[in-house]
Amino acid sequence: MKRFSPDIPHLYTRGKNFVFRLVIPAHLLGLAGKAEFKVSLKTKDHLTALRKYDEVD
């Protein structure tokens, strides 16, 4: 997974698709039950990804 832009936190590309990825802090792992939260934005277009990113963030 590769970060899309250093200016936009949590937005990554996986292959050609965009993904929202948030690392869970260590002190909250017990509550979250996992180390990271990932959601596919189900798009390859960066403008659509930015719109969907605002909905998830």
Protein backbone atom coordinates (compact mmCIF):
# COMPACT_ATOMS: atom_id res chain seq x y z
CA MET A 1 0.00 0.00 0.00
CA LYS A 2 1.36 3.39 -0.95
CA ARG A 3 0.44 6.77 0.52
CA PHE A 4 -1.27 8.92 -2.11
CA SER A 5 -0.08 12.31 -0.85
CA PRO A 6 1.82 13.49 2.23
CA ASP A 7 -0.76 16.29 2.54
CA ILE A 8 -3.74 13.92 2.82
CA PRO A 9 -3.43 11.60 5.82
CA HIS A 10 -4.98 8.13 5.67
CA LEU A 11 -5.43 8.06 1.86
CA TYR A 12 -3.52 5.23 0.19
CA THR A 13 -3.51 3.38 -3.09
CA ARG A 14 -3.61 -0.38 -3.28
CA GLY A 15 -2.82 -1.32 -6.83
CA LYS A 16 -4.93 1.21 -8.72
CA ASN A 17 -7.71 1.50 -6.13
CA PHE A 18 -7.91 4.03 -3.32
CA VAL A 19 -8.15 3.00 0.34
CA PHE A 20 -8.79 4.89 3.59
CA ARG A 21 -6.38 3.48 6.21
CA LEU A 22 -6.17 4.49 9.86
CA VAL A 23 -3.67 2.90 12.26
CA ILE A 24 -5.18 2.26 15.69
CA PRO A 25 -2.98 3.58 18.56
CA ALA A 26 -1.44 0.86 20.73
CA HIS A 27 -3.36 1.88 23.85
CA LEU A 28 -6.69 1.37 22.01
CA LEU A 29 -5.93 -2.01 20.46
CA GLY A 30 -7.92 -3.82 23.15
CA LEU A 31 -11.03 -1.78 22.37
CA ALA A 32 -10.70 -1.88 18.60
CA GLY A 33 -9.64 -5.52 18.36
CA LYS A 34 -7.43 -4.82 15.34
CA ALA A 35 -4.31 -2.83 14.49
CA GLU A 36 -5.78 -0.79 11.65
CA PHE A 37 -9.05 0.29 10.09
CA LYS A 38 -9.19 0.02 6.28
CA VAL A 39 -12.04 0.84 3.91
CA SER A 40 -11.87 0.55 0.15
CA LEU A 41 -13.14 3.72 -1.51
CA LYS A 42 -14.06 1.54 -4.52
CA THR A 43 -12.66 3.90 -7.12
CA LYS A 44 -9.58 4.36 -9.28
CA ASP A 45 -10.28 8.05 -9.90
CA HIS A 46 -8.46 10.41 -7.53
CA LEU A 47 -11.18 13.11 -7.57
CA THR A 48 -13.86 10.57 -6.65
CA ALA A 49 -11.53 9.17 -3.98
CA LEU A 50 -11.14 12.63 -2.44
CA ARG A 51 -14.93 13.05 -2.25
CA LYS A 52 -15.37 9.64 -0.65
CA TYR A 53 -12.41 10.30 1.68
CA ASP A 54 -14.28 13.29 3.15
CA GLU A 55 -17.26 11.01 3.87
CA VAL A 56 -15.12 8.44 5.72
CA ASP A 57 -12.85 10.89 7.53
